[in-house]
């Protein structure tokens, strides 16, 4: 049976890095994020800023195993690590003092994956 999943080399590289980090740091959260990234494009995660604003508090650190979209307003500053950001979403996050990180940057800052929220 043919293996399905992402064929994008960048996503494949990030998935390898997540699996290595999960094993190295004994952090199951990275394995969970890898499982989300394994999905087909049709089932990939897309999260709007309005949902992030509803589910978070000020200064939370969020992981989105997919793309962050710009619909809605973000009412407080948060740090968001995601696979991709739309251009307008990145501008809105940065304009209120939030941070946009790649998944690799977040793993380097917090290898154990403690005090993180995953939004899917």
N, C-alpha and C. Protein backbone atom coordinates (compact mmCIF):
# COMPACT_ATOMS: atom_id res chain seq x y z
N UNK A 1 0.84 -1.17 0.00
CA UNK A 1 0.00 0.00 0.00
C UNK A 1 0.89 1.24 0.00
N UNK A 2 0.52 2.21 -0.80
CA UNK A 2 1.30 3.42 -0.92
C UNK A 2 1.12 4.30 0.32
N UNK A 3 2.22 4.83 0.80
CA UNK A 3 2.18 5.72 1.96
C UNK A 3 1.63 7.08 1.55
N UNK A 4 0.69 7.58 2.34
CA UNK A 4 0.15 8.91 2.09
C UNK A 4 0.75 9.88 3.09
N UNK A 5 0.52 11.13 2.87
CA UNK A 5 1.04 12.13 3.78
C UNK A 5 1.70 13.23 2.99
N UNK A 6 2.32 14.14 3.67
CA UNK A 6 2.90 15.29 2.98
C UNK A 6 4.09 14.92 2.11
N UNK A 7 4.11 15.52 0.92
CA UNK A 7 5.24 15.31 0.02
C UNK A 7 6.14 16.54 -0.02
N UNK A 8 5.74 17.60 0.66
CA UNK A 8 6.52 18.82 0.73
C UNK A 8 7.81 18.53 1.50
N UNK A 9 8.98 18.79 0.92
CA UNK A 9 10.24 18.50 1.61
C UNK A 9 10.41 19.26 2.92
N UNK A 10 9.87 20.47 3.01
CA UNK A 10 9.97 21.24 4.26
C UNK A 10 9.17 20.57 5.37
N UNK A 11 7.99 20.10 5.06
CA UNK A 11 7.16 19.42 6.07
C UNK A 11 7.81 18.10 6.47
N UNK A 12 8.37 17.38 5.52
CA UNK A 12 9.05 16.13 5.84
C UNK A 12 10.24 16.38 6.77
N UNK A 13 10.98 17.46 6.52
CA UNK A 13 12.12 17.82 7.37
C UNK A 13 11.66 18.16 8.79
N UNK A 14 10.60 18.92 8.90
CA UNK A 14 10.07 19.29 10.21
C UNK A 14 9.58 18.05 10.95
N UNK A 15 8.94 17.13 10.24
CA UNK A 15 8.46 15.90 10.87
C UNK A 15 9.61 15.06 11.41
N UNK A 16 10.70 14.96 10.64
CA UNK A 16 11.88 14.22 11.13
C UNK A 16 12.42 14.87 12.40
N UNK A 17 12.50 16.20 12.39
CA UNK A 17 13.02 16.95 13.54
C UNK A 17 12.12 16.73 14.77
N UNK A 18 10.80 16.71 14.56
CA UNK A 18 9.87 16.46 15.66
C UNK A 18 10.06 15.06 16.24
N UNK A 19 10.20 14.07 15.38
CA UNK A 19 10.39 12.69 15.87
C UNK A 19 11.69 12.56 16.65
N UNK A 20 12.75 13.16 16.13
CA UNK A 20 14.04 13.12 16.86
C UNK A 20 13.94 13.81 18.21
N UNK A 21 13.28 14.95 18.24
CA UNK A 21 13.14 15.70 19.50
C UNK A 21 12.28 14.94 20.50
N UNK A 22 11.23 14.29 20.02
CA UNK A 22 10.37 13.50 20.92
C UNK A 22 11.17 12.39 21.57
N UNK A 23 12.03 11.75 20.78
CA UNK A 23 12.85 10.66 21.32
C UNK A 23 13.93 11.19 22.25
N UNK A 24 14.61 12.25 21.83
CA UNK A 24 15.73 12.79 22.59
C UNK A 24 15.30 13.35 23.94
N UNK A 25 14.20 14.10 23.96
CA UNK A 25 13.76 14.79 25.17
C UNK A 25 12.65 14.05 25.91
N UNK A 26 12.23 12.89 25.40
CA UNK A 26 11.14 12.12 26.01
C UNK A 26 9.89 12.98 26.18
N UNK A 27 9.56 13.73 25.13
CA UNK A 27 8.41 14.64 25.15
C UNK A 27 7.37 14.14 24.15
N UNK A 28 6.28 13.61 24.65
CA UNK A 28 5.25 13.04 23.78
C UNK A 28 4.53 14.10 22.95
N UNK A 29 4.59 15.35 23.37
CA UNK A 29 3.90 16.41 22.63
C UNK A 29 4.44 16.54 21.21
N UNK A 30 5.73 16.34 21.02
CA UNK A 30 6.31 16.46 19.68
C UNK A 30 5.84 15.32 18.78
N UNK A 31 5.66 14.14 19.34
CA UNK A 31 5.12 13.01 18.58
C UNK A 31 3.68 13.29 18.19
N UNK A 32 2.92 13.92 19.06
CA UNK A 32 1.53 14.27 18.77
C UNK A 32 1.46 15.29 17.63
N UNK A 33 2.33 16.29 17.67
CA UNK A 33 2.37 17.29 16.60
C UNK A 33 2.76 16.62 15.29
N UNK A 34 3.70 15.68 15.33
CA UNK A 34 4.09 14.95 14.13
C UNK A 34 2.91 14.19 13.54
N UNK A 35 2.09 13.59 14.39
CA UNK A 35 0.91 12.87 13.91
C UNK A 35 -0.07 13.82 13.22
N UNK A 36 -0.21 15.02 13.71
CA UNK A 36 -1.09 16.00 13.06
C UNK A 36 -0.54 16.40 11.70
N UNK A 37 0.77 16.55 11.60
CA UNK A 37 1.38 16.95 10.33
C UNK A 37 1.38 15.83 9.29
N UNK A 38 1.15 14.61 9.73
CA UNK A 38 1.12 13.46 8.83
C UNK A 38 -0.15 13.43 8.00
N UNK A 39 -1.16 14.15 8.39
CA UNK A 39 -2.45 14.12 7.70
C UNK A 39 -2.33 14.59 6.25
N UNK A 40 -3.30 14.20 5.47
CA UNK A 40 -3.35 14.66 4.09
C UNK A 40 -3.70 16.15 4.07
N UNK A 41 -3.47 16.79 2.95
CA UNK A 41 -3.72 18.22 2.84
C UNK A 41 -5.20 18.54 3.09
N UNK A 42 -6.07 17.67 2.68
CA UNK A 42 -7.51 17.88 2.86
C UNK A 42 -7.89 17.92 4.34
N UNK A 43 -7.17 17.19 5.17
CA UNK A 43 -7.47 17.13 6.61
C UNK A 43 -6.51 17.97 7.44
N UNK A 44 -5.73 18.82 6.81
CA UNK A 44 -4.74 19.62 7.55
C UNK A 44 -5.44 20.65 8.44
N UNK A 45 -4.73 21.08 9.44
CA UNK A 45 -5.27 22.01 10.44
C UNK A 45 -5.14 23.44 9.94
N UNK A 46 -6.25 24.18 10.05
CA UNK A 46 -6.25 25.62 9.75
C UNK A 46 -7.01 26.29 10.88
N UNK A 47 -6.36 27.24 11.56
CA UNK A 47 -6.94 27.89 12.72
C UNK A 47 -6.98 29.40 12.50
N UNK A 48 -8.11 30.00 12.79
CA UNK A 48 -8.26 31.44 12.68
C UNK A 48 -7.84 32.14 13.97
N UNK A 49 -7.47 33.40 13.86
CA UNK A 49 -7.06 34.18 15.04
C UNK A 49 -8.21 34.30 16.04
N UNK A 50 -9.45 34.34 15.58
CA UNK A 50 -10.58 34.45 16.50
C UNK A 50 -10.65 33.24 17.43
N UNK A 51 -10.37 32.05 16.92
CA UNK A 51 -10.38 30.84 17.75
C UNK A 51 -9.23 30.88 18.76
N UNK A 52 -8.08 31.32 18.31
CA UNK A 52 -6.92 31.43 19.22
C UNK A 52 -7.23 32.42 20.33
N UNK A 53 -7.86 33.54 19.98
CA UNK A 53 -8.20 34.56 20.98
C UNK A 53 -9.19 34.02 22.02
N UNK A 54 -10.15 33.22 21.57
CA UNK A 54 -11.16 32.66 22.48
C UNK A 54 -10.57 31.64 23.44
N UNK A 55 -9.59 30.85 22.98
CA UNK A 55 -9.09 29.72 23.76
C UNK A 55 -7.83 30.01 24.58
N UNK A 56 -7.32 31.25 24.51
CA UNK A 56 -6.06 31.54 25.19
C UNK A 56 -6.19 32.72 26.14
N UNK A 57 -5.16 32.86 26.96
CA UNK A 57 -5.02 34.02 27.84
C UNK A 57 -3.75 34.75 27.45
N UNK A 58 -3.55 35.89 28.06
CA UNK A 58 -2.36 36.69 27.79
C UNK A 58 -1.10 35.88 28.10
N UNK A 59 -0.10 35.99 27.23
CA UNK A 59 1.23 35.38 27.37
C UNK A 59 1.23 33.85 27.26
N UNK A 60 0.19 33.23 26.73
CA UNK A 60 0.21 31.79 26.49
C UNK A 60 1.13 31.47 25.32
N UNK A 61 1.63 30.24 25.31
CA UNK A 61 2.42 29.75 24.19
C UNK A 61 1.58 28.68 23.50
N UNK A 62 1.34 28.88 22.20
CA UNK A 62 0.41 28.06 21.45
C UNK A 62 1.14 27.33 20.33
N UNK A 63 0.71 26.10 20.05
CA UNK A 63 1.19 25.37 18.88
C UNK A 63 -0.01 25.11 17.98
N UNK A 64 0.16 25.44 16.71
CA UNK A 64 -0.83 25.12 15.69
C UNK A 64 -0.14 24.21 14.68
N UNK A 65 -0.50 22.92 14.64
CA UNK A 65 0.15 22.01 13.70
C UNK A 65 -0.43 22.14 12.29
N UNK A 66 -0.36 23.35 11.77
CA UNK A 66 -0.91 23.64 10.45
C UNK A 66 -0.73 25.12 10.17
N UNK A 67 -1.76 25.73 9.60
CA UNK A 67 -1.66 27.13 9.17
C UNK A 67 -2.54 28.01 10.04
N UNK A 68 -2.02 29.20 10.38
CA UNK A 68 -2.78 30.21 11.12
C UNK A 68 -3.32 31.20 10.10
N UNK A 69 -4.64 31.40 10.14
CA UNK A 69 -5.31 32.31 9.22
C UNK A 69 -5.74 33.58 9.94
N UNK A 70 -6.03 34.64 9.20
CA UNK A 70 -6.19 35.97 9.80
C UNK A 70 -7.62 36.37 10.14
N UNK A 71 -8.60 35.51 9.98
CA UNK A 71 -9.97 35.90 10.26
C UNK A 71 -10.16 36.14 11.75
N UNK A 72 -10.72 37.28 12.08
CA UNK A 72 -10.97 37.64 13.47
C UNK A 72 -9.89 38.53 14.04
N UNK A 73 -10.06 38.86 15.31
CA UNK A 73 -9.09 39.72 16.01
C UNK A 73 -8.45 38.95 17.14
N UNK A 74 -7.19 39.23 17.33
CA UNK A 74 -6.46 38.68 18.47
C UNK A 74 -6.44 39.78 19.52
N UNK A 75 -6.99 39.51 20.71
CA UNK A 75 -7.20 40.56 21.71
C UNK A 75 -6.07 40.68 22.72
N UNK A 76 -5.15 39.76 22.75
CA UNK A 76 -4.03 39.80 23.70
C UNK A 76 -2.81 39.18 23.03
N UNK A 77 -1.64 39.50 23.56
CA UNK A 77 -0.44 38.97 22.91
C UNK A 77 -0.13 37.57 23.40
N UNK A 78 0.18 36.72 22.42
CA UNK A 78 0.53 35.34 22.67
C UNK A 78 1.71 34.98 21.76
N UNK A 79 2.36 33.89 22.08
CA UNK A 79 3.41 33.35 21.22
C UNK A 79 2.82 32.16 20.50
N UNK A 80 2.88 32.19 19.17
CA UNK A 80 2.28 31.13 18.37
C UNK A 80 3.36 30.48 17.51
N UNK A 81 3.46 29.16 17.62
CA UNK A 81 4.35 28.39 16.76
C UNK A 81 3.47 27.58 15.82
N UNK A 82 3.74 27.70 14.52
CA UNK A 82 2.92 27.00 13.54
C UNK A 82 3.75 26.59 12.34
N UNK A 83 3.17 25.74 11.54
CA UNK A 83 3.81 25.33 10.30
C UNK A 83 3.87 26.50 9.33
N UNK A 84 2.76 27.24 9.19
CA UNK A 84 2.68 28.40 8.31
C UNK A 84 1.78 29.46 8.91
N UNK A 85 1.98 30.69 8.49
CA UNK A 85 1.12 31.81 8.85
C UNK A 85 0.71 32.52 7.56
N UNK A 86 -0.54 32.95 7.49
CA UNK A 86 -0.89 33.82 6.37
C UNK A 86 -0.22 35.17 6.62
N UNK A 87 -0.04 35.93 5.57
CA UNK A 87 0.66 37.22 5.70
C UNK A 87 -0.10 38.15 6.65
N UNK A 88 -1.43 38.21 6.51
CA UNK A 88 -2.23 39.11 7.35
C UNK A 88 -2.27 38.62 8.81
N UNK A 89 -2.27 37.31 9.01
CA UNK A 89 -2.25 36.79 10.38
C UNK A 89 -0.95 37.17 11.07
N UNK A 90 0.16 37.03 10.38
CA UNK A 90 1.46 37.40 10.95
C UNK A 90 1.48 38.89 11.32
N UNK A 91 0.96 39.73 10.43
CA UNK A 91 0.91 41.17 10.70
C UNK A 91 0.06 41.49 11.93
N UNK A 92 -1.10 40.83 12.06
CA UNK A 92 -1.98 41.08 13.20
C UNK A 92 -1.33 40.64 14.51
N UNK A 93 -0.67 39.48 14.48
CA UNK A 93 -0.03 38.97 15.70
C UNK A 93 1.09 39.90 16.14
N UNK A 94 1.93 40.30 15.20
CA UNK A 94 3.06 41.17 15.53
C UNK A 94 2.61 42.57 15.93
N UNK A 95 1.48 43.05 15.39
CA UNK A 95 1.03 44.41 15.69
C UNK A 95 0.58 44.57 17.14
N UNK A 96 0.13 43.49 17.79
CA UNK A 96 -0.28 43.61 19.19
C UNK A 96 0.80 43.14 20.16
N UNK A 97 1.98 42.85 19.64
CA UNK A 97 3.09 42.47 20.50
C UNK A 97 3.27 40.98 20.67
N UNK A 98 2.60 40.17 19.87
CA UNK A 98 2.77 38.73 19.94
C UNK A 98 3.99 38.28 19.17
N UNK A 99 4.25 36.99 19.19
CA UNK A 99 5.40 36.42 18.49
C UNK A 99 4.95 35.29 17.58
N UNK A 100 5.58 35.19 16.42
CA UNK A 100 5.35 34.10 15.47
C UNK A 100 6.63 33.28 15.38
N UNK A 101 6.53 32.00 15.69
CA UNK A 101 7.70 31.13 15.66
C UNK A 101 7.47 29.95 14.73
N UNK A 102 8.55 29.39 14.23
CA UNK A 102 8.44 28.11 13.53
C UNK A 102 8.45 27.01 14.60
N UNK A 103 8.07 25.82 14.19
CA UNK A 103 8.07 24.71 15.15
C UNK A 103 9.48 24.39 15.62
N UNK A 104 10.48 24.50 14.73
CA UNK A 104 11.86 24.23 15.13
C UNK A 104 12.35 25.25 16.16
N UNK A 105 11.98 26.53 15.99
CA UNK A 105 12.38 27.55 16.96
C UNK A 105 11.78 27.27 18.32
N UNK A 106 10.52 26.83 18.34
CA UNK A 106 9.87 26.53 19.62
C UNK A 106 10.54 25.34 20.31
N UNK A 107 10.90 24.32 19.55
CA UNK A 107 11.57 23.16 20.14
C UNK A 107 12.91 23.55 20.73
N UNK A 108 13.62 24.45 20.06
CA UNK A 108 14.91 24.90 20.59
C UNK A 108 14.73 25.71 21.87
N UNK A 109 13.64 26.48 21.98
CA UNK A 109 13.38 27.28 23.18
C UNK A 109 12.83 26.44 24.32
N UNK A 110 12.00 25.43 23.99
CA UNK A 110 11.32 24.63 25.01
C UNK A 110 11.37 23.16 24.59
N UNK A 111 12.52 22.50 24.73
CA UNK A 111 12.65 21.13 24.23
C UNK A 111 11.76 20.11 24.92
N UNK A 112 11.41 20.32 26.17
CA UNK A 112 10.54 19.38 26.89
C UNK A 112 9.07 19.57 26.53
N UNK A 113 8.72 20.73 25.94
CA UNK A 113 7.35 20.98 25.54
C UNK A 113 6.41 21.25 26.70
N UNK A 114 6.93 21.86 27.75
CA UNK A 114 6.10 22.13 28.93
C UNK A 114 5.37 23.45 28.79
N UNK A 115 4.19 23.53 29.39
CA UNK A 115 3.35 24.74 29.42
C UNK A 115 2.98 25.22 28.02
N UNK A 116 2.59 24.30 27.16
CA UNK A 116 2.17 24.65 25.81
C UNK A 116 0.71 24.24 25.63
N UNK A 117 0.02 24.95 24.73
CA UNK A 117 -1.34 24.58 24.35
C UNK A 117 -1.34 24.24 22.87
N UNK A 118 -1.96 23.14 22.51
CA UNK A 118 -2.09 22.74 21.12
C UNK A 118 -3.51 23.08 20.68
N UNK A 119 -3.64 23.85 19.63
CA UNK A 119 -4.95 24.20 19.10
C UNK A 119 -5.08 23.61 17.71
N UNK A 120 -6.12 22.79 17.54
CA UNK A 120 -6.35 22.16 16.23
C UNK A 120 -7.70 22.52 15.69
